[in-house]
Structure formats: C-alpha cells, structure tokens
Amino acid sequence: MAAGELVDVVDADDQVVGTVTRGEMRVQHLRHRATYVLLFNSRGQLFVHQRTAGKDIYPSYYDCAFGGVLAAGEAYDTGARRELAEEAGVAEAPLRRIGPLRFDDDDNHVNGMIYSCTYDGPLRLQAEEIAGGEWLDLIEVIERAQREPFCPDGVQALLTYLQRLADAREP
C-alpha cells in the first residue's frame, strides 16, 4: 500500500471516524485497521520473514505474521486474504479467524484481526515487502523475538493466538 492510498481512521471501538492517506496516518500516528495472518505448515512451524528496509514502520524487522493495513472500506477477512496472496503468494488456503487484537506503541495504534492458516505449498514472497524468511518451530520464534528486532504487533498477535489455544484446551 502506497503512502497516498486511503485508509480508515477508527476509534477504540473500531468505528470509522475519518479517512486519510496512509502517509498521514503514519505521520499523525492515527488508529487504523490491520490484519495479522500466522502462516503455519503441517508440522506446526511458523513462517517468519524479514521486512524490507523501505517499510514505513518497523523497517528490516522480523515479523511472525503476514498482513497489513486495510484500505478504506475494506473488510478484515478480505484484507487478510489479499495480504496473504500479495505477500506470500498464498491464495487458495483457508483462513481461520482467531479474533481481535488491539495494539498500541508510540508510533503504531491498531485495531486488528488475527488469522491463522496451514499451508504446505510453495511461497512467492513479495520482494518489495519481504527480504526473506524461513519456517521455524514456535520455541525458536519466541527465543529469536527476545534477542532480535521483531515487529511488536506481530509478536502480540502470536502471543494472543497461543493464549487462545491454551484457553481452549483448559477443561
């Protein structure tokens, strides 16, 4: 998504309160919508990728989720499918909606939706956004995230996913 493309500005309750360019959203640190797709293979490994140096937020950081900012008027499910197809070349795999994520740091204020997907086919990584990546066991993802620069919202999405799994397994 280019700096001039339109995005919805939302409030804490995820209601649209305005529309601005992506560039304005970043400069003014406005709350917006985004998706997070955790891509697993059938062995339970998560695909972790490194963002390119030209990204408008968290450049060159590692990320454990595909996804991104929704276009103005775009639904979460549509955006998640679009982002996974654009960034990883995965268009046919079904997505599981995990649930909402609210993330805030000094530069990024997001109302997001977390998804997971299992896929064993080939990936076509989008060169403009992804420098490279690899499949990792979850314990290695968690260990790396403690010592290397990872997108904090992607880490929060993963931790939210893991907590929901743990909650579902409790009697």
Protein backbone atom coordinates (compact mmCIF):
# COMPACT_ATOMS: atom_id res chain seq x y z
CA MET A 1 0.00 0.00 0.00
CA ALA A 2 1.49 3.31 -1.08
CA ALA A 3 1.63 6.42 1.10
CA GLY A 4 -1.14 8.07 -0.93
CA GLU A 5 -3.67 5.25 -0.62
CA LEU A 6 -6.66 5.87 1.62
CA VAL A 7 -7.15 4.18 4.99
CA ASP A 8 -9.91 4.44 7.55
CA VAL A 9 -9.15 6.07 10.89
CA VAL A 10 -11.03 4.27 13.66
CA ASP A 11 -11.75 4.83 17.34
CA ALA A 12 -11.13 2.39 20.19
CA ASP A 13 -14.46 0.68 19.41
CA ASP A 14 -13.40 0.15 15.76
CA GLN A 15 -15.86 2.70 14.41
CA VAL A 16 -14.69 4.70 11.40
CA VAL A 17 -14.14 8.34 12.35
CA GLY A 18 -12.40 9.54 9.20
CA THR A 19 -10.37 8.67 6.13
CA VAL A 20 -6.80 9.83 5.45
CA THR A 21 -3.87 8.79 3.30
CA ARG A 22 -1.59 6.09 4.64
CA GLY A 23 1.17 8.71 4.86
CA GLU A 24 -0.98 11.00 7.02
CA MET A 25 -1.96 8.05 9.22
CA ARG A 26 1.72 7.23 9.84
CA VAL A 27 2.85 10.83 10.44
CA GLN A 28 -0.05 11.56 12.83
CA HIS A 29 0.06 8.09 14.48
CA LEU A 30 -3.66 7.56 13.90
CA ARG A 31 -5.55 4.41 14.91
CA HIS A 32 -6.27 2.22 11.89
CA ARG A 33 -7.24 -1.33 10.97
CA ALA A 34 -4.83 -4.12 10.08
CA THR A 35 -4.70 -7.89 9.69
CA TYR A 36 -2.28 -10.48 11.06
CA VAL A 37 -2.05 -13.91 9.39
CA LEU A 38 0.03 -16.54 11.18
CA LEU A 39 1.13 -18.97 8.45
CA PHE A 40 1.89 -22.48 9.70
CA ASN A 41 2.94 -25.61 7.85
CA SER A 42 1.50 -29.05 8.68
CA ARG A 43 4.46 -29.71 11.03
CA GLY A 44 3.36 -26.77 13.19
CA GLN A 45 6.20 -24.48 12.15
CA LEU A 46 5.52 -20.76 11.70
CA PHE A 47 6.84 -18.80 8.73
CA VAL A 48 8.92 -15.84 9.94
CA HIS A 49 10.04 -13.22 7.46
CA GLN A 50 12.23 -10.14 7.46
CA ARG A 51 10.64 -6.91 6.28
CA THR A 52 12.47 -4.83 3.69
CA ALA A 53 14.38 -1.71 4.72
CA GLY A 54 11.90 0.51 2.85
CA LYS A 55 8.86 -0.34 5.01
CA ASP A 56 7.14 2.69 6.56
CA ILE A 57 7.13 1.15 10.04
CA TYR A 58 9.47 -1.39 11.63
CA PRO A 59 11.84 -1.46 8.60
CA SER A 60 14.12 -4.52 8.45
CA TYR A 61 12.39 -6.06 11.49
CA TYR A 62 11.41 -9.71 11.53
CA ASP A 63 7.71 -10.49 11.53
CA CYS A 64 5.83 -13.62 12.51
CA ALA A 65 2.64 -12.55 10.71
CA PHE A 66 1.73 -11.66 7.15
CA GLY A 67 -0.79 -8.87 6.77
CA GLY A 68 -1.02 -5.15 6.95
CA VAL A 69 -3.10 -2.03 6.88
CA LEU A 70 -6.61 -2.29 5.44
CA ALA A 71 -7.65 0.01 2.64
CA ALA A 72 -10.53 2.40 3.32
CA GLY A 73 -13.76 0.41 3.39
CA GLU A 74 -12.00 -2.96 3.23
CA ALA A 75 -13.30 -5.76 5.48
CA TYR A 76 -10.90 -7.67 7.74
CA ASP A 77 -11.47 -11.03 6.01
CA THR A 78 -10.95 -9.50 2.56
CA GLY A 79 -7.80 -7.69 3.68
CA ALA A 80 -6.32 -10.80 5.27
CA ARG A 81 -6.83 -12.84 2.09
CA ARG A 82 -5.45 -10.01 -0.07
CA GLU A 83 -2.36 -9.51 2.09
CA LEU A 84 -1.54 -13.23 2.27
CA ALA A 85 -1.86 -13.55 -1.50
CA GLU A 86 0.23 -10.41 -2.17
CA GLU A 87 2.98 -11.04 0.38
CA ALA A 88 3.30 -14.84 0.32
CA GLY A 89 1.58 -15.89 -2.90
CA VAL A 90 -0.91 -17.99 -0.91
CA ALA A 91 -4.41 -17.52 -2.33
CA GLU A 92 -6.18 -20.86 -2.01
CA ALA A 93 -5.58 -21.85 1.63
CA PRO A 94 -8.49 -21.33 4.04
CA LEU A 95 -8.04 -18.79 6.83
CA ARG A 96 -9.19 -19.31 10.42
CA ARG A 97 -10.32 -16.14 12.15
CA ILE A 98 -8.79 -16.16 15.64
CA GLY A 99 -10.09 -12.86 16.95
CA PRO A 100 -9.37 -9.19 17.52
CA LEU A 101 -6.11 -7.55 18.55
CA ARG A 102 -5.63 -4.07 19.87
CA PHE A 103 -2.05 -2.82 19.72
CA ASP A 104 -0.52 0.46 20.82
CA ASP A 105 3.03 1.76 20.94
CA ASP A 106 4.47 5.24 20.39
CA ASP A 107 4.20 5.05 16.60
CA ASN A 108 1.51 2.49 15.85
CA HIS A 109 -2.12 2.31 17.01
CA VAL A 110 -4.01 -0.63 15.55
CA ASN A 111 -7.36 -2.35 15.74
CA GLY A 112 -6.51 -5.66 14.16
CA MET A 113 -7.83 -9.11 13.43
CA ILE A 114 -5.73 -12.25 13.85
CA TYR A 115 -5.97 -15.22 11.50
CA SER A 116 -4.12 -18.49 11.16
CA CYS A 117 -3.58 -20.64 8.10
CA THR A 118 -1.97 -24.02 7.44
CA TYR A 119 -0.19 -24.31 4.11
CA ASP A 120 2.50 -26.63 2.73
CA GLY A 121 2.80 -25.34 -0.82
CA PRO A 122 5.40 -23.06 -2.35
CA LEU A 123 5.61 -19.42 -1.27
CA ARG A 124 6.12 -16.46 -3.61
CA LEU A 125 7.46 -13.74 -1.35
CA GLN A 126 6.78 -10.17 -2.44
CA ALA A 127 10.24 -8.67 -2.99
CA GLU A 128 9.10 -5.08 -2.30
CA GLU A 129 7.98 -6.00 1.21
CA ILE A 130 9.84 -9.16 2.25
CA ALA A 131 13.63 -9.60 2.26
CA GLY A 132 13.47 -13.33 3.06
CA GLY A 133 12.06 -15.82 5.51
CA GLU A 134 12.01 -19.34 6.90
CA TRP A 135 9.86 -21.90 8.69
CA LEU A 136 10.67 -22.09 12.40
CA ASP A 137 9.49 -24.11 15.39
CA LEU A 138 7.47 -21.93 17.77
CA ILE A 139 10.06 -22.17 20.56
CA GLU A 140 12.69 -20.78 18.18
CA VAL A 141 10.37 -17.93 17.15
CA ILE A 142 9.89 -16.98 20.80
CA GLU A 143 13.63 -17.22 21.53
CA ARG A 144 14.56 -15.10 18.49
CA ALA A 145 11.93 -12.48 19.34
CA GLN A 146 13.70 -11.94 22.65
CA ARG A 147 17.06 -11.14 21.05
CA GLU A 148 16.34 -9.80 17.55
CA PRO A 149 14.15 -6.92 16.33
CA PHE A 150 10.64 -8.31 15.76
CA CYS A 151 7.52 -6.32 14.90
CA PRO A 152 5.90 -5.91 18.32
CA ASP A 153 2.36 -6.07 16.97
CA GLY A 154 3.12 -9.36 15.18
CA VAL A 155 4.57 -10.79 18.40
CA GLN A 156 1.46 -9.68 20.27
CA ALA A 157 -0.69 -11.39 17.61
CA LEU A 158 1.27 -14.63 18.09
CA LEU A 159 1.03 -14.44 21.89
CA THR A 160 -2.72 -13.78 21.66
CA TYR A 161 -3.08 -16.82 19.39
CA LEU A 162 -1.11 -19.02 21.78
CA GLN A 163 -3.16 -17.82 24.76
CA ARG A 164 -6.40 -18.61 22.94
CA LEU A 165 -5.09 -22.11 22.17
CA ALA A 166 -4.21 -22.62 25.83
CA ASP A 167 -7.62 -21.35 26.95
CA ALA A 168 -9.39 -23.71 24.54
CA ARG A 169 -7.52 -26.70 25.94
CA GLU A 170 -8.40 -26.00 29.58
CA PRO A 171 -11.33 -28.08 30.90
